[in-house]
Every structure is written in C-alpha cells, then in structure tokens.
Amino acid sequence: IAATRPPPARWSIIGTLAILTLLGVGLIHAESYRARRIALSMVAVGITCCFVILMAYTRPYIGQFSVKPDDLVELVDDMRGGAAAVTARTDGPSRRL
C-alpha cells in the first residue's frame, strides 16, 4: 500500500506543476497588483496543503497521522470467535460519543 519512500520523480513533477501553476496565475492577473497578490497567495496555500498531505501520507504507519491496526485486529478476533466475541464485547461498558 505504501512505499518506504516516494519516488524522486514524484517530487520533481509536483514541484514543476506547482511552479507552472504559480506562473500561470501570476500571468493571468498581471495587470492588477492586488488581484495577482491575492490569487498567488491562494494558490500557494493550496499547493502547501497538497505538499503537507503528501508528506503526511507517504509513510502512513508511522508519525502523527499513523494508521493503527486496532480495528483490523478486532475484526479478526470477531471473525475467529464468532458470535461469542461479539456478545462479550457488547456486554462491556457502553461507550459515549
């Protein structure tokens, strides 16, 4: 599912697309300084969000946004134990949201 490291080509392609997008938006709004500044700021924030998401999910099993196997372990236990495991789990204390 996840590689240990993203291919270097991915980063270069994303960087190139980010630069081309910023240049395109800047050229479209070249007449108005204020419009160009606002548009470039919005695109820069969007590109930054994309980079953050890409870096956070490059290695999904470690770090702050890691995916834990708890639900899968519980599912396997339920499948092996059958109805007894489900009954035992539901008889415990109720969870409040």
PDB file of N, CA and C in Angstrom:
ATOM      1  N   ILE A   1       0.833  -1.186   0.000  1.00  0.00           N
ATOM      2  CA  ILE A   1       0.000   0.000   0.000  1.00  0.00           C
ATOM      3  C   ILE A   1       0.877   1.249   0.000  1.00  0.00           C
ATOM      4  N   ALA A   2       1.845   1.301   0.876  1.00  0.00           N
ATOM      5  CA  ALA A   2       2.686   2.490   0.956  1.00  0.00           C
ATOM      6  C   ALA A   2       4.136   2.113   0.728  1.00  0.00           C
ATOM      7  N   ALA A   3       4.809   2.921  -0.018  1.00  0.00           N
ATOM      8  CA  ALA A   3       6.230   2.700  -0.256  1.00  0.00           C
ATOM      9  C   ALA A   3       7.017   3.239   0.932  1.00  0.00           C
ATOM     10  N   THR A   4       8.228   2.729   1.094  1.00  0.00           N
ATOM     11  CA  THR A   4       9.053   3.245   2.172  1.00  0.00           C
ATOM     12  C   THR A   4       9.497   4.667   1.880  1.00  0.00           C
ATOM     13  N   ARG A   5       9.540   4.998   0.605  1.00  0.00           N
ATOM     14  CA  ARG A   5       9.956   6.338   0.202  1.00  0.00           C
ATOM     15  C   ARG A   5       9.349   6.657  -1.160  1.00  0.00           C
ATOM     16  N   PRO A   6       8.773   7.839  -1.340  1.00  0.00           N
ATOM     17  CA  PRO A   6       8.189   8.138  -2.654  1.00  0.00           C
ATOM     18  C   PRO A   6       9.279   8.289  -3.706  1.00  0.00           C
ATOM     19  N   PRO A   7       8.988   7.939  -4.938  1.00  0.00           N
ATOM     20  CA  PRO A   7       9.987   8.081  -5.995  1.00  0.00           C
ATOM     21  C   PRO A   7      10.369   9.548  -6.191  1.00  0.00           C
ATOM     22  N   PRO A   8      11.646   9.831  -6.467  1.00  0.00           N
ATOM     23  CA  PRO A   8      12.075  11.223  -6.662  1.00  0.00           C
ATOM     24  C   PRO A   8      11.345  11.906  -7.817  1.00  0.00           C
ATOM     25  N   ALA A   9      10.932  11.137  -8.811  1.00  0.00           N
ATOM     26  CA  ALA A   9      10.215  11.730  -9.941  1.00  0.00           C
ATOM     27  C   ALA A   9       8.904  12.366  -9.480  1.00  0.00           C
ATOM     28  N   ARG A  10       8.267  11.778  -8.484  1.00  0.00           N
ATOM     29  CA  ARG A  10       7.007  12.328  -7.979  1.00  0.00           C
ATOM     30  C   ARG A  10       7.218  13.741  -7.439  1.00  0.00           C
ATOM     31  N   TRP A  11       8.277  13.928  -6.669  1.00  0.00           N
ATOM     32  CA  TRP A  11       8.540  15.245  -6.094  1.00  0.00           C
ATOM     33  C   TRP A  11       8.888  16.263  -7.175  1.00  0.00           C
ATOM     34  N   SER A  12       9.649  15.851  -8.168  1.00  0.00           N
ATOM     35  CA  SER A  12      10.011  16.801  -9.227  1.00  0.00           C
ATOM     36  C   SER A  12       8.792  17.173 -10.073  1.00  0.00           C
ATOM     37  N   ILE A  13       7.925  16.220 -10.331  1.00  0.00           N
ATOM     38  CA  ILE A  13       6.711  16.513 -11.095  1.00  0.00           C
ATOM     39  C   ILE A  13       5.797  17.451 -10.314  1.00  0.00           C
ATOM     40  N   ILE A  14       5.627  17.192  -9.038  1.00  0.00           N
ATOM     41  CA  ILE A  14       4.768  18.054  -8.217  1.00  0.00           C
ATOM     42  C   ILE A  14       5.363  19.452  -8.106  1.00  0.00           C
ATOM     43  N   GLY A  15       6.671  19.545  -7.925  1.00  0.00           N
ATOM     44  CA  GLY A  15       7.318  20.854  -7.860  1.00  0.00           C
ATOM     45  C   GLY A  15       7.180  21.628  -9.157  1.00  0.00           C
ATOM     46  N   THR A  16       7.358  20.939 -10.285  1.00  0.00           N
ATOM     47  CA  THR A  16       7.207  21.586 -11.590  1.00  0.00           C
ATOM     48  C   THR A  16       5.777  22.075 -11.797  1.00  0.00           C
ATOM     49  N   LEU A  17       4.800  21.246 -11.441  1.00  0.00           N
ATOM     50  CA  LEU A  17       3.400  21.665 -11.569  1.00  0.00           C
ATOM     51  C   LEU A  17       3.082  22.850 -10.668  1.00  0.00           C
ATOM     52  N   ALA A  18       3.654  22.871  -9.474  1.00  0.00           N
ATOM     53  CA  ALA A  18       3.424  23.996  -8.566  1.00  0.00           C
ATOM     54  C   ALA A  18       3.983  25.287  -9.153  1.00  0.00           C
ATOM     55  N   ILE A  19       5.198  25.228  -9.698  1.00  0.00           N
ATOM     56  CA  ILE A  19       5.808  26.424 -10.292  1.00  0.00           C
ATOM     57  C   ILE A  19       5.016  26.894 -11.511  1.00  0.00           C
ATOM     58  N   LEU A  20       4.621  25.955 -12.364  1.00  0.00           N
ATOM     59  CA  LEU A  20       3.846  26.331 -13.551  1.00  0.00           C
ATOM     60  C   LEU A  20       2.492  26.929 -13.174  1.00  0.00           C
ATOM     61  N   THR A  21       1.869  26.387 -12.144  1.00  0.00           N
ATOM     62  CA  THR A  21       0.585  26.928 -11.693  1.00  0.00           C
ATOM     63  C   THR A  21       0.749  28.348 -11.171  1.00  0.00           C
ATOM     64  N   LEU A  22       1.778  28.570 -10.346  1.00  0.00           N
ATOM     65  CA  LEU A  22       2.017  29.919  -9.830  1.00  0.00           C
ATOM     66  C   LEU A  22       2.323  30.903 -10.959  1.00  0.00           C
ATOM     67  N   LEU A  23       3.121  30.481 -11.935  1.00  0.00           N
ATOM     68  CA  LEU A  23       3.422  31.353 -13.076  1.00  0.00           C
ATOM     69  C   LEU A  23       2.167  31.665 -13.888  1.00  0.00           C
ATOM     70  N   GLY A  24       1.352  30.648 -14.124  1.00  0.00           N
ATOM     71  CA  GLY A  24       0.121  30.856 -14.885  1.00  0.00           C
ATOM     72  C   GLY A  24      -0.829  31.806 -14.200  1.00  0.00           C
ATOM     73  N   VAL A  25      -1.022  31.625 -12.915  1.00  0.00           N
ATOM     74  CA  VAL A  25      -1.922  32.513 -12.172  1.00  0.00           C
ATOM     75  C   VAL A  25      -1.348  33.923 -12.132  1.00  0.00           C
ATOM     76  N   GLY A  26      -0.037  34.031 -11.950  1.00  0.00           N
ATOM     77  CA  GLY A  26       0.595  35.352 -11.928  1.00  0.00           C
ATOM     78  C   GLY A  26       0.466  36.082 -13.250  1.00  0.00           C
ATOM     79  N   LEU A  27       0.596  35.352 -14.355  1.00  0.00           N
ATOM     80  CA  LEU A  27       0.476  35.987 -15.670  1.00  0.00           C
ATOM     81  C   LEU A  27      -0.959  36.387 -15.990  1.00  0.00           C
ATOM     82  N   ILE A  28      -1.911  35.606 -15.536  1.00  0.00           N
ATOM     83  CA  ILE A  28      -3.321  35.934 -15.785  1.00  0.00           C
ATOM     84  C   ILE A  28      -3.702  37.234 -15.080  1.00  0.00           C
ATOM     85  N   HIS A  29      -3.196  37.431 -13.870  1.00  0.00           N
ATOM     86  CA  HIS A  29      -3.545  38.611 -13.077  1.00  0.00           C
ATOM     87  C   HIS A  29      -2.424  39.649 -13.108  1.00  0.00           C
ATOM     88  N   ALA A  30      -1.707  39.758 -14.214  1.00  0.00           N
ATOM     89  CA  ALA A  30      -0.546  40.644 -14.294  1.00  0.00           C
ATOM     90  C   ALA A  30      -0.916  42.126 -14.232  1.00  0.00           C
ATOM     91  N   GLU A  31      -2.096  42.508 -14.687  1.00  0.00           N
ATOM     92  CA  GLU A  31      -2.464  43.928 -14.727  1.00  0.00           C
ATOM     93  C   GLU A  31      -2.710  44.500 -13.335  1.00  0.00           C
ATOM     94  N   SER A  32      -3.371  43.757 -12.503  1.00  0.00           N
ATOM     95  CA  SER A  32      -3.746  44.248 -11.177  1.00  0.00           C
ATOM     96  C   SER A  32      -2.819  43.645 -10.116  1.00  0.00           C
ATOM     97  N   TYR A  33      -2.094  44.514  -9.433  1.00  0.00           N
ATOM     98  CA  TYR A  33      -1.161  44.051  -8.403  1.00  0.00           C
ATOM     99  C   TYR A  33      -1.898  43.349  -7.264  1.00  0.00           C
ATOM    100  N   ARG A  34      -3.008  43.940  -6.839  1.00  0.00           N
ATOM    101  CA  ARG A  34      -3.759  43.369  -5.713  1.00  0.00           C
ATOM    102  C   ARG A  34      -4.354  42.008  -6.077  1.00  0.00           C
ATOM    103  N   ALA A  35      -4.955  41.898  -7.259  1.00  0.00           N
ATOM    104  CA  ALA A  35      -5.545  40.623  -7.691  1.00  0.00           C
ATOM    105  C   ALA A  35      -4.469  39.557  -7.844  1.00  0.00           C
ATOM    106  N   ARG A  36      -3.313  39.941  -8.382  1.00  0.00           N
ATOM    107  CA  ARG A  36      -2.219  38.987  -8.538  1.00  0.00           C
ATOM    108  C   ARG A  36      -1.746  38.488  -7.177  1.00  0.00           C
ATOM    109  N   ARG A  37      -1.628  39.401  -6.233  1.00  0.00           N
ATOM    110  CA  ARG A  37      -1.162  39.028  -4.893  1.00  0.00           C
ATOM    111  C   ARG A  37      -2.144  38.079  -4.201  1.00  0.00           C
ATOM    112  N   ILE A  38      -3.418  38.376  -4.288  1.00  0.00           N
ATOM    113  CA  ILE A  38      -4.437  37.519  -3.668  1.00  0.00           C
ATOM    114  C   ILE A  38      -4.471  36.154  -4.345  1.00  0.00           C
ATOM    115  N   ALA A  39      -4.456  36.141  -5.670  1.00  0.00           N
ATOM    116  CA  ALA A  39      -4.532  34.873  -6.402  1.00  0.00           C
ATOM    117  C   ALA A  39      -3.307  34.005  -6.135  1.00  0.00           C
ATOM    118  N   LEU A  40      -2.125  34.608  -6.139  1.00  0.00           N
ATOM    119  CA  LEU A  40      -0.911  33.834  -5.876  1.00  0.00           C
ATOM    120  C   LEU A  40      -0.884  33.312  -4.443  1.00  0.00           C
ATOM    121  N   SER A  41      -1.391  34.091  -3.506  1.00  0.00           N
ATOM    122  CA  SER A  41      -1.455  33.629  -2.114  1.00  0.00           C
ATOM    123  C   SER A  41      -2.381  32.430  -1.973  1.00  0.00           C
ATOM    124  N   MET A  42      -3.531  32.493  -2.633  1.00  0.00           N
ATOM    125  CA  MET A  42      -4.477  31.375  -2.557  1.00  0.00           C
ATOM    126  C   MET A  42      -3.888  30.111  -3.174  1.00  0.00           C
ATOM    127  N   VAL A  43      -3.243  30.246  -4.319  1.00  0.00           N
ATOM    128  CA  VAL A  43      -2.649  29.076  -4.970  1.00  0.00           C
ATOM    129  C   VAL A  43      -1.498  28.534  -4.130  1.00  0.00           C
ATOM    130  N   ALA A  44      -0.697  29.416  -3.541  1.00  0.00           N
ATOM    131  CA  ALA A  44       0.423  28.973  -2.712  1.00  0.00           C
ATOM    132  C   ALA A  44      -0.064  28.198  -1.488  1.00  0.00           C
ATOM    133  N   VAL A  45      -1.154  28.654  -0.884  1.00  0.00           N
ATOM    134  CA  VAL A  45      -1.719  27.925   0.263  1.00  0.00           C
ATOM    135  C   VAL A  45      -2.232  26.556  -0.178  1.00  0.00           C
ATOM    136  N   GLY A  46      -2.888  26.497  -1.321  1.00  0.00           N
ATOM    137  CA  GLY A  46      -3.367  25.212  -1.836  1.00  0.00           C
ATOM    138  C   GLY A  46      -2.237  24.249  -2.131  1.00  0.00           C
ATOM    139  N   ILE A  47      -1.171  24.745  -2.738  1.00  0.00           N
ATOM    140  CA  ILE A  47      -0.014  23.895  -3.034  1.00  0.00           C
ATOM    141  C   ILE A  47       0.642  23.422  -1.742  1.00  0.00           C
ATOM    142  N   THR A  48       0.736  24.304  -0.754  1.00  0.00           N
ATOM    143  CA  THR A  48       1.314  23.918   0.530  1.00  0.00           C
ATOM    144  C   THR A  48       0.490  22.818   1.186  1.00  0.00           C
ATOM    145  N   CYS A  49      -0.826  22.928   1.135  1.00  0.00           N
ATOM    146  CA  CYS A  49      -1.689  21.876   1.694  1.00  0.00           C
ATOM    147  C   CYS A  49      -1.456  20.544   0.985  1.00  0.00           C
ATOM    148  N   CYS A  50      -1.298  20.583  -0.322  1.00  0.00           N
ATOM    149  CA  CYS A  50      -1.031  19.348  -1.075  1.00  0.00           C
ATOM    150  C   CYS A  50       0.279  18.714  -0.643  1.00  0.00           C
ATOM    151  N   PHE A  51       1.320  19.528  -0.463  1.00  0.00           N
ATOM    152  CA  PHE A  51       2.610  19.001  -0.021  1.00  0.00           C
ATOM    153  C   PHE A  51       2.513  18.403   1.385  1.00  0.00           C
ATOM    154  N   VAL A  52       1.788  19.069   2.275  1.00  0.00           N
ATOM    155  CA  VAL A  52       1.645  18.558   3.642  1.00  0.00           C
ATOM    156  C   VAL A  52       0.918  17.220   3.639  1.00  0.00           C
ATOM    157  N   ILE A  53      -0.154  17.119   2.874  1.00  0.00           N
ATOM    158  CA  ILE A  53      -0.893  15.859   2.798  1.00  0.00           C
ATOM    159  C   ILE A  53      -0.035  14.766   2.190  1.00  0.00           C
ATOM    160  N   LEU A  54       0.701  15.100   1.153  1.00  0.00           N
ATOM    161  CA  LEU A  54       1.569  14.109   0.515  1.00  0.00           C
ATOM    162  C   LEU A  54       2.644  13.624   1.474  1.00  0.00           C
ATOM    163  N   MET A  55       3.236  14.534   2.227  1.00  0.00           N
ATOM    164  CA  MET A  55       4.279  14.126   3.173  1.00  0.00           C
ATOM    165  C   MET A  55       3.698  13.346   4.348  1.00  0.00           C
ATOM    166  N   ALA A  56       2.499  13.713   4.790  1.00  0.00           N
ATOM    167  CA  ALA A  56       1.899  13.022   5.933  1.00  0.00           C
ATOM    168  C   ALA A  56       1.513  11.595   5.589  1.00  0.00           C
ATOM    169  N   TYR A  57       1.067  11.355   4.362  1.00  0.00           N
ATOM    170  CA  TYR A  57       0.604  10.029   3.991  1.00  0.00           C
ATOM    171  C   TYR A  57       1.592   9.253   3.140  1.00  0.00           C
ATOM    172  N   THR A  58       2.833   9.736   3.029  1.00  0.00           N
ATOM    173  CA  THR A  58       3.851   8.976   2.326  1.00  0.00           C
ATOM    174  C   THR A  58       4.188   7.719   3.114  1.00  0.00           C
ATOM    175  N   ARG A  59       4.260   7.850   4.422  1.00  0.00           N
ATOM    176  CA  ARG A  59       4.512   6.697   5.292  1.00  0.00           C
ATOM    177  C   ARG A  59       3.368   6.631   6.307  1.00  0.00           C
ATOM    178  N   PRO A  60       2.269   5.960   5.969  1.00  0.00           N
ATOM    179  CA  PRO A  60       1.060   6.034   6.789  1.00  0.00           C
ATOM    180  C   PRO A  60       1.111   5.257   8.104  1.00  0.00           C
ATOM    181  N   TYR A  61       2.138   4.472   8.347  1.00  0.00           N
ATOM    182  CA  TYR A  61       2.150   3.635   9.541  1.00  0.00           C
ATOM    183  C   TYR A  61       3.025   4.192  10.651  1.00  0.00           C
ATOM    184  N   ILE A  62       3.653   5.340  10.437  1.00  0.00           N
ATOM    185  CA  ILE A  62       4.443   5.985  11.486  1.00  0.00           C
ATOM    186  C   ILE A  62       4.136   7.471  11.469  1.00  0.00           C
ATOM    187  N   GLY A  63       4.361   8.129  12.584  1.00  0.00           N
ATOM    188  CA  GLY A  63       4.155   9.570  12.649  1.00  0.00           C
ATOM    189  C   GLY A  63       2.851   9.939  13.329  1.00  0.00           C
ATOM    190  N   GLN A  64       2.552  11.221  13.285  1.00  0.00           N
ATOM    191  CA  GLN A  64       1.374  11.736  13.978  1.00  0.00           C
ATOM    192  C   GLN A  64       0.067  11.266  13.354  1.00  0.00           C
ATOM    193  N   PHE A  65       0.036  11.113  12.043  1.00  0.00           N
ATOM    194  CA  PHE A  65      -1.189  10.713  11.350  1.00  0.00           C
ATOM    195  C   PHE A  65      -1.163   9.231  11.001  1.00  0.00           C
ATOM    196  N   SER A  66      -0.569   8.408  11.844  1.00  0.00           N
ATOM    197  CA  SER A  66      -0.380   6.997  11.506  1.00  0.00           C
ATOM    198  C   SER A  66      -1.683   6.212  11.588  1.00  0.00           C
ATOM    199  N   VAL A  67      -1.734   5.170  10.794  1.00  0.00           N
ATOM    200  CA  VAL A  67      -2.871   4.261  10.776  1.00  0.00           C
ATOM    201  C   VAL A  67      -2.528   3.092  11.684  1.00  0.00           C
ATOM    202  N   LYS A  68      -3.347   2.838  12.663  1.00  0.00           N
ATOM    203  CA  LYS A  68      -3.103   1.753  13.622  1.00  0.00           C
ATOM    204  C   LYS A  68      -3.922   0.526  13.232  1.00  0.00           C
ATOM    205  N   PRO A  69      -3.423  -0.669  13.518  1.00  0.00           N
ATOM    206  CA  PRO A  69      -4.125  -1.893  13.128  1.00  0.00           C
ATOM    207  C   PRO A  69      -5.191  -2.337  14.127  1.00  0.00           C
ATOM    208  N   ASP A  70      -5.582  -1.490  15.058  1.00  0.00           N
ATOM    209  CA  ASP A  70      -6.517  -1.899  16.113  1.00  0.00           C
ATOM    210  C   ASP A  70      -7.838  -2.422  15.555  1.00  0.00           C
ATOM    211  N   ASP A  71      -8.410  -1.721  14.591  1.00  0.00           N
ATOM    212  CA  ASP A  71      -9.692  -2.152  14.026  1.00  0.00           C
ATOM    213  C   ASP A  71      -9.562  -3.478  13.284  1.00  0.00           C
ATOM    214  N   LEU A  72      -8.454  -3.671  12.579  1.00  0.00           N
ATOM    215  CA  LEU A  72      -8.255  -4.941  11.875  1.00  0.00           C
ATOM    216  C   LEU A  72      -8.072  -6.092  12.854  1.00  0.00           C
ATOM    217  N   VAL A  73      -7.341  -5.864  13.934  1.00  0.00           N
ATOM    218  CA  VAL A  73      -7.153  -6.907  14.947  1.00  0.00           C
ATOM    219  C   VAL A  73      -8.493  -7.270  15.572  1.00  0.00           C
ATOM    220  N   GLU A  74      -9.302  -6.277  15.866  1.00  0.00           N
ATOM    221  CA  GLU A  74     -10.629  -6.531  16.437  1.00  0.00           C
ATOM    222  C   GLU A  74     -11.510  -7.302  15.459  1.00  0.00           C
ATOM    223  N   LEU A  75     -11.436  -6.964  14.189  1.00  0.00           N
ATOM    224  CA  LEU A  75     -12.212  -7.664  13.172  1.00  0.00           C
ATOM    225  C   LEU A  75     -11.796  -9.124  13.069  1.00  0.00           C
ATOM    226  N   VAL A  76     -10.495  -9.383  13.077  1.00  0.00           N
ATOM    227  CA  VAL A  76     -10.008 -10.768  13.010  1.00  0.00           C
ATOM    228  C   VAL A  76     -10.460 -11.542  14.237  1.00  0.00           C
ATOM    229  N   ASP A  77     -10.388 -10.926  15.419  1.00  0.00           N
ATOM    230  CA  ASP A  77     -10.855 -11.600  16.632  1.00  0.00           C
ATOM    231  C   ASP A  77     -12.341 -11.924  16.547  1.00  0.00           C
ATOM    232  N   ASP A  78     -13.129 -10.984  16.031  1.00  0.00           N
ATOM    233  CA  ASP A  78     -14.564 -11.218  15.881  1.00  0.00           C
ATOM    234  C   ASP A  78     -14.840 -12.348  14.898  1.00  0.00           C
ATOM    235  N   MET A  79     -14.077 -12.394  13.826  1.00  0.00           N
ATOM    236  CA  MET A  79     -14.290 -13.437  12.820  1.00  0.00           C
ATOM    237  C   MET A  79     -13.897 -14.812  13.359  1.00  0.00           C
ATOM    238  N   ARG A  80     -12.866 -14.875  14.159  1.00  0.00           N
ATOM    239  CA  ARG A  80     -12.432 -16.160  14.724  1.00  0.00           C
ATOM    240  C   ARG A  80     -13.349 -16.620  15.850  1.00  0.00           C
ATOM    241  N   GLY A  81     -13.800 -15.673  16.670  1.00  0.00           N
ATOM    242  CA  GLY A  81     -14.605 -16.030  17.825  1.00  0.00           C
ATOM    243  C   GLY A  81     -16.075 -16.182  17.515  1.00  0.00           C
ATOM    244  N   GLY A  82     -16.515 -15.668  16.409  1.00  0.00           N
ATOM    245  CA  GLY A  82     -17.920 -15.769  16.039  1.00  0.00           C
ATOM    246  C   GLY A  82     -18.793 -14.886  16.903  1.00  0.00           C
ATOM    247  N   ALA A  83     -19.977 -15.374  17.224  1.00  0.00           N
ATOM    248  CA  ALA A  83     -20.965 -14.592  17.974  1.00  0.00           C
ATOM    249  C   ALA A  83     -20.544 -14.390  19.419  1.00  0.00           C
ATOM    250  N   ALA A  84     -19.767 -15.305  19.992  1.00  0.00           N
ATOM    251  CA  ALA A  84     -19.356 -15.178  21.390  1.00  0.00           C
ATOM    252  C   ALA A  84     -18.495 -13.937  21.594  1.00  0.00           C
ATOM    253  N   ALA A  85     -17.617 -13.657  20.650  1.00  0.00           N
ATOM    254  CA  ALA A  85     -16.753 -12.482  20.768  1.00  0.00           C
ATOM    255  C   ALA A  85     -17.570 -11.202  20.654  1.00  0.00           C
ATOM    256  N   VAL A  86     -18.557 -11.205  19.780  1.00  0.00           N
ATOM    257  CA  VAL A  86     -19.395 -10.020  19.612  1.00  0.00           C
ATOM    258  C   VAL A  86     -20.228  -9.792  20.863  1.00  0.00           C
ATOM    259  N   THR A  87     -20.786 -10.856  21.442  1.00  0.00           N
ATOM    260  CA  THR A  87     -21.585 -10.735  22.654  1.00  0.00           C
ATOM    261  C   THR A  87     -20.735 -10.251  23.815  1.00  0.00           C
ATOM    262  N   ALA A  88     -19.538 -10.801  23.951  1.00  0.00           N
ATOM    263  CA  ALA A  88     -18.665 -10.400  25.049  1.00  0.00           C
ATOM    264  C   ALA A  88     -18.271  -8.934  24.923  1.00  0.00           C
ATOM    265  N   ARG A  89     -18.061  -8.477  23.717  1.00  0.00           N
ATOM    266  CA  ARG A  89     -17.657  -7.097  23.528  1.00  0.00           C
ATOM    267  C   ARG A  89     -18.817  -6.142  23.786  1.00  0.00           C
ATOM    268  N   THR A  90     -20.033  -6.522  23.422  1.00  0.00           N
ATOM    269  CA  THR A  90     -21.172  -5.624  23.616  1.00  0.00           C
ATOM    270  C   THR A  90     -21.678  -5.639  25.050  1.00  0.00           C
ATOM    271  N   ASP A  91     -21.343  -6.669  25.838  1.00  0.00           N
ATOM    272  CA  ASP A  91     -21.782  -6.713  27.229  1.00  0.00           C
ATOM    273  C   ASP A  91     -20.961  -5.791  28.123  1.00  0.00           C
ATOM    274  N   GLY A  92     -19.829  -5.339  27.651  1.00  0.00           N
ATOM    275  CA  GLY A  92     -18.951  -4.479  28.441  1.00  0.00           C
ATOM    276  C   GLY A  92     -19.555  -3.101  28.628  1.00  0.00           C
ATOM    277  N   PRO A  93     -18.782  -2.201  29.223  1.00  0.00           N
ATOM    278  CA  PRO A  93     -19.289  -0.842  29.442  1.00  0.00           C
ATOM    279  C   PRO A  93     -19.584  -0.148  28.119  1.00  0.00           C
ATOM    280  N   SER A  94     -20.640   0.635  28.136  1.00  0.00           N
ATOM    281  CA  SER A  94     -21.035   1.317  26.902  1.00  0.00           C
ATOM    282  C   SER A  94     -20.131   2.524  26.670  1.00  0.00           C
ATOM    283  N   ARG A  95     -19.915   2.814  25.405  1.00  0.00           N
ATOM    284  CA  ARG A  95     -19.080   3.955  25.046  1.00  0.00           C
ATOM    285  C   ARG A  95     -19.971   5.150  24.722  1.00  0.00           C
ATOM    286  N   ARG A  96     -19.577   6.290  25.199  1.00  0.00           N
ATOM    287  CA  ARG A  96     -20.309   7.514  24.873  1.00  0.00           C
ATOM    288  C   ARG A  96     -19.498   8.306  23.876  1.00  0.00           C
ATOM    289  N   LEU A  97     -20.192   8.907  22.912  1.00  0.00           N
ATOM    290  CA  LEU A  97     -19.510   9.716  21.896  1.00  0.00           C
ATOM    291  C   LEU A  97     -19.393  11.139  22.321  1.00  0.00           C
TER     292      LEU A  97
END
